[in-house]
């Protein structure tokens, strides 16, 4: 991914406790509404009120075709990143799944990447 496509990268971690089907606006050449799987993770660290509030919003968002794959990760610790392009109000997600045995997509790929979504995907 070219660095000019985003201006912020944030580490996202936590134990996956819920997955929910939803709709989001996918951006790019094919700008349209799509079904997505919103992943909600929780941290067991001591939280401020703001951090507790942020755990009510999705941690990661991926195309709905990965819903059943993600369902197998409920209860597992996840680590990934969110890329933000604040100028165009869009976000993209990456999930590192090398640590999770049995999770494999295609041809040995064990990372999950999303397309660009409108940043409203982070709202509940």
C-alpha atoms as a PDB file:
ATOM      1  CA  UNK A   1       0.000   0.000   0.000  1.00  0.00           C
ATOM      2  CA  UNK A   2       1.473   3.370  -0.995  1.00  0.00           C
ATOM      3  CA  UNK A   3       2.125   5.711   1.922  1.00  0.00           C
ATOM      4  CA  UNK A   4       0.383   8.530   0.037  1.00  0.00           C
ATOM      5  CA  UNK A   5      -2.913   6.615   0.340  1.00  0.00           C
ATOM      6  CA  UNK A   6      -3.186   7.212   4.113  1.00  0.00           C
ATOM      7  CA  UNK A   7      -2.020   9.623   6.797  1.00  0.00           C
ATOM      8  CA  UNK A   8      -2.477   7.557   9.985  1.00  0.00           C
ATOM      9  CA  UNK A   9      -1.765   3.956  10.980  1.00  0.00           C
ATOM     10  CA  UNK A  10      -3.075   2.666  14.316  1.00  0.00           C
ATOM     11  CA  UNK A  11      -2.428  -0.640  16.072  1.00  0.00           C
ATOM     12  CA  UNK A  12      -5.621  -2.522  16.905  1.00  0.00           C
ATOM     13  CA  UNK A  13      -5.595  -5.398  19.424  1.00  0.00           C
ATOM     14  CA  UNK A  14      -7.997  -7.274  21.678  1.00  0.00           C
ATOM     15  CA  UNK A  15      -9.938 -10.460  22.228  1.00  0.00           C
ATOM     16  CA  UNK A  16     -12.621 -10.957  19.579  1.00  0.00           C
ATOM     17  CA  UNK A  17     -15.963 -11.207  21.363  1.00  0.00           C
ATOM     18  CA  UNK A  18     -18.574 -10.380  18.706  1.00  0.00           C
ATOM     19  CA  UNK A  19     -19.045 -10.357  14.936  1.00  0.00           C
ATOM     20  CA  UNK A  20     -22.008  -8.642  13.334  1.00  0.00           C
ATOM     21  CA  UNK A  21     -23.244  -8.438   9.745  1.00  0.00           C
ATOM     22  CA  UNK A  22     -23.847  -4.897   8.593  1.00  0.00           C
ATOM     23  CA  UNK A  23     -23.677  -2.650   5.532  1.00  0.00           C
ATOM     24  CA  UNK A  24     -20.943  -0.193   4.643  1.00  0.00           C
ATOM     25  CA  UNK A  25     -19.996   1.997   1.734  1.00  0.00           C
ATOM     26  CA  UNK A  26     -17.014   0.556  -0.134  1.00  0.00           C
ATOM     27  CA  UNK A  27     -14.956   3.234  -1.879  1.00  0.00           C
ATOM     28  CA  UNK A  28     -12.838   3.016  -5.001  1.00  0.00           C
ATOM     29  CA  UNK A  29     -13.491   2.213  -8.650  1.00  0.00           C
ATOM     30  CA  UNK A  30     -16.683   0.397  -7.623  1.00  0.00           C
ATOM     31  CA  UNK A  31     -18.196   2.810  -5.070  1.00  0.00           C
ATOM     32  CA  UNK A  32     -21.250   1.044  -3.591  1.00  0.00           C
ATOM     33  CA  UNK A  33     -22.929  -0.324  -0.476  1.00  0.00           C
ATOM     34  CA  UNK A  34     -21.721  -3.817   0.499  1.00  0.00           C
ATOM     35  CA  UNK A  35     -22.346  -6.344   3.251  1.00  0.00           C
ATOM     36  CA  UNK A  36     -19.551  -6.468   5.835  1.00  0.00           C
ATOM     37  CA  UNK A  37     -18.557  -8.363   8.967  1.00  0.00           C
ATOM     38  CA  UNK A  38     -17.872  -5.966  11.837  1.00  0.00           C
ATOM     39  CA  UNK A  39     -15.520  -7.395  14.468  1.00  0.00           C
ATOM     40  CA  UNK A  40     -15.649  -6.172  18.064  1.00  0.00           C
ATOM     41  CA  UNK A  41     -12.644  -6.768  20.318  1.00  0.00           C
ATOM     42  CA  UNK A  42     -12.209  -6.137  24.022  1.00  0.00           C
ATOM     43  CA  UNK A  43      -9.122  -5.468  26.058  1.00  0.00           C
ATOM     44  CA  UNK A  44      -8.702  -6.716  29.598  1.00  0.00           C
ATOM     45  CA  UNK A  45      -6.495  -3.761  30.504  1.00  0.00           C
ATOM     46  CA  UNK A  46      -7.661  -1.041  32.882  1.00  0.00           C
ATOM     47  CA  UNK A  47      -9.651   1.321  30.683  1.00  0.00           C
ATOM     48  CA  UNK A  48     -10.441   4.999  30.752  1.00  0.00           C
ATOM     49  CA  UNK A  49     -14.033   5.996  30.023  1.00  0.00           C
ATOM     50  CA  UNK A  50     -13.008   6.953  26.450  1.00  0.00           C
ATOM     51  CA  UNK A  51     -11.323   3.564  25.873  1.00  0.00           C
ATOM     52  CA  UNK A  52     -14.372   1.726  27.219  1.00  0.00           C
ATOM     53  CA  UNK A  53     -16.582   3.729  24.849  1.00  0.00           C
ATOM     54  CA  UNK A  54     -14.324   2.898  21.884  1.00  0.00           C
ATOM     55  CA  UNK A  55     -14.791  -0.836  22.578  1.00  0.00           C
ATOM     56  CA  UNK A  56     -18.468  -0.432  21.745  1.00  0.00           C
ATOM     57  CA  UNK A  57     -17.467   0.404  18.161  1.00  0.00           C
ATOM     58  CA  UNK A  58     -16.051  -2.048  15.590  1.00  0.00           C
ATOM     59  CA  UNK A  59     -12.334  -2.838  15.848  1.00  0.00           C
ATOM     60  CA  UNK A  60     -12.015  -4.376  12.367  1.00  0.00           C
ATOM     61  CA  UNK A  61     -14.318  -4.514   9.322  1.00  0.00           C
ATOM     62  CA  UNK A  62     -13.995  -7.028   6.476  1.00  0.00           C
ATOM     63  CA  UNK A  63     -16.110  -8.223   3.533  1.00  0.00           C
ATOM     64  CA  UNK A  64     -18.965 -10.487   4.659  1.00  0.00           C
ATOM     65  CA  UNK A  65     -17.528 -13.526   2.819  1.00  0.00           C
ATOM     66  CA  UNK A  66     -15.023 -13.836   5.715  1.00  0.00           C
ATOM     67  CA  UNK A  67     -17.780 -13.993   8.358  1.00  0.00           C
ATOM     68  CA  UNK A  68     -17.526 -17.756   8.936  1.00  0.00           C
ATOM     69  CA  UNK A  69     -13.690 -17.614   8.998  1.00  0.00           C
ATOM     70  CA  UNK A  70     -13.831 -14.835  11.581  1.00  0.00           C
ATOM     71  CA  UNK A  71     -16.443 -16.716  13.628  1.00  0.00           C
ATOM     72  CA  UNK A  72     -13.789 -19.371  14.331  1.00  0.00           C
ATOM     73  CA  UNK A  73     -11.629 -16.672  15.938  1.00  0.00           C
ATOM     74  CA  UNK A  74     -14.137 -15.625  18.617  1.00  0.00           C
ATOM     75  CA  UNK A  75     -12.343 -15.677  21.962  1.00  0.00           C
ATOM     76  CA  UNK A  76      -8.903 -15.293  20.351  1.00  0.00           C
ATOM     77  CA  UNK A  77      -6.509 -12.367  20.743  1.00  0.00           C
ATOM     78  CA  UNK A  78      -6.256 -10.450  17.471  1.00  0.00           C
ATOM     79  CA  UNK A  79      -3.706  -7.935  16.283  1.00  0.00           C
ATOM     80  CA  UNK A  80      -3.963  -5.718  13.247  1.00  0.00           C
ATOM     81  CA  UNK A  81      -3.921  -2.181  11.940  1.00  0.00           C
ATOM     82  CA  UNK A  82      -6.320   0.451  10.698  1.00  0.00           C
ATOM     83  CA  UNK A  83      -5.175   2.803   7.949  1.00  0.00           C
ATOM     84  CA  UNK A  84      -6.909   6.178   7.853  1.00  0.00           C
ATOM     85  CA  UNK A  85      -7.030   8.634   4.968  1.00  0.00           C
ATOM     86  CA  UNK A  86      -8.550  11.611   6.764  1.00  0.00           C
ATOM     87  CA  UNK A  87      -8.591  13.844   3.660  1.00  0.00           C
ATOM     88  CA  UNK A  88     -10.928  11.444   1.838  1.00  0.00           C
ATOM     89  CA  UNK A  89     -12.644  10.205   5.030  1.00  0.00           C
ATOM     90  CA  UNK A  90     -11.885   6.538   4.413  1.00  0.00           C
ATOM     91  CA  UNK A  91     -10.426   3.595   6.343  1.00  0.00           C
ATOM     92  CA  UNK A  92      -8.853   0.239   5.503  1.00  0.00           C
ATOM     93  CA  UNK A  93      -8.145  -2.730   7.816  1.00  0.00           C
ATOM     94  CA  UNK A  94      -5.381  -5.341   8.099  1.00  0.00           C
ATOM     95  CA  UNK A  95      -5.427  -8.383  10.383  1.00  0.00           C
ATOM     96  CA  UNK A  96      -2.305 -10.492  11.050  1.00  0.00           C
ATOM     97  CA  UNK A  97      -3.470 -14.102  11.325  1.00  0.00           C
ATOM     98  CA  UNK A  98      -0.140 -15.955  11.149  1.00  0.00           C
ATOM     99  CA  UNK A  99      -0.491 -16.937  14.836  1.00  0.00           C
ATOM    100  CA  UNK A 100      -3.882 -18.582  14.298  1.00  0.00           C
ATOM    101  CA  UNK A 101      -3.438 -22.166  13.141  1.00  0.00           C
ATOM    102  CA  UNK A 102      -6.033 -23.298  10.682  1.00  0.00           C
ATOM    103  CA  UNK A 103      -6.809 -19.832   9.334  1.00  0.00           C
ATOM    104  CA  UNK A 104      -5.818 -19.763   5.689  1.00  0.00           C
ATOM    105  CA  UNK A 105      -7.399 -17.912   2.816  1.00  0.00           C
ATOM    106  CA  UNK A 106      -5.753 -18.593  -0.560  1.00  0.00           C
ATOM    107  CA  UNK A 107      -2.412 -20.054  -1.536  1.00  0.00           C
ATOM    108  CA  UNK A 108      -0.987 -19.880   1.975  1.00  0.00           C
ATOM    109  CA  UNK A 109      -2.085 -16.293   2.630  1.00  0.00           C
ATOM    110  CA  UNK A 110      -2.733 -15.816   6.347  1.00  0.00           C
ATOM    111  CA  UNK A 111      -3.363 -12.076   6.404  1.00  0.00           C
ATOM    112  CA  UNK A 112      -6.745 -10.456   5.969  1.00  0.00           C
ATOM    113  CA  UNK A 113      -7.043  -7.087   4.234  1.00  0.00           C
ATOM    114  CA  UNK A 114     -10.109  -5.000   3.542  1.00  0.00           C
ATOM    115  CA  UNK A 115     -10.900  -2.613   0.715  1.00  0.00           C
ATOM    116  CA  UNK A 116     -11.304   1.092   1.520  1.00  0.00           C
ATOM    117  CA  UNK A 117     -14.524   1.915   3.375  1.00  0.00           C
ATOM    118  CA  UNK A 118     -16.182   5.222   4.188  1.00  0.00           C
ATOM    119  CA  UNK A 119     -15.073   6.127   7.746  1.00  0.00           C
ATOM    120  CA  UNK A 120     -18.704   5.871   8.919  1.00  0.00           C
ATOM    121  CA  UNK A 121     -18.073   2.095   9.032  1.00  0.00           C
ATOM    122  CA  UNK A 122     -16.490   2.709  12.460  1.00  0.00           C
ATOM    123  CA  UNK A 123     -19.780   3.942  13.898  1.00  0.00           C
ATOM    124  CA  UNK A 124     -22.290   1.629  15.500  1.00  0.00           C
END
